[in-house]
Amino acid sequence: MDRIVVRGILMFLLLVAAGGASAWAASEPAYHVHPGDVLTISVWNEKDLQGDTLVRPDGGLSFPLVGNLQAAGKTIPQIQKEVASKLSKFIPDPSVTVALKQNNGNLVYVIGQVNKPGQYPVNRYVDVVQALSMAGGMTPYAATGKIKILRRENGKVTAIHFDYGEVEKGENLKQDIVLQSGDVVLVP
């Protein structure tokens, strides 16, 4: 084959691959910051405005010249934009970078009749079956048809039913939901 044709084909494949990757990334929900997460914030060309900051239990964080701002529930780009906006009072057109250093606040809990009950840090999207697997599976005494996911939203706790037996048979798979930070999987 002619070198120009081969280069053209390779460029086409790279463009298709890049487009596919960006389409996949766009389909994933954005990460929302949680209390306990550690963020690295840096302002270009400002040595005194660089460092790690912990998101407090109340969801806030503190940074020089910015003061306190609410971080929990926001995405990294949202926090970056807010920090830049607050710094613009002191620095013309600040170039701010915010990165997630540690996602210590993204935890799910699995308790009850499982082999390893406890809290589990989640570095990716985890559904109920995956959380049960992380907890070493269920004991022989588990009531697999009566599992509940306890979720706290806006100060209210809701219980979501999960029947492991149905999922195991490939039925009613929609109940194998993606867990949110703070969810409790309760296996009676």
Foldseek 3Di string as FASTA:
>chain_A
DDPVVVVVVVVVVVVVVVVVVVVVVVVDDADAAFQQWKKWKDWPPDVQFTDIWGQHNVQWTQGPQQGIDRRGRHGQVVVQVSSQVSCCVPDPRIDMHMDTPGRRQQWEFEDDFAQAGDIDHDPGWAWPVRVSVVRVHGDPPWPQQAKWKWDADPNDIDTQGDRVVQVVVVHPVVSRDTDGRPIYIYTD
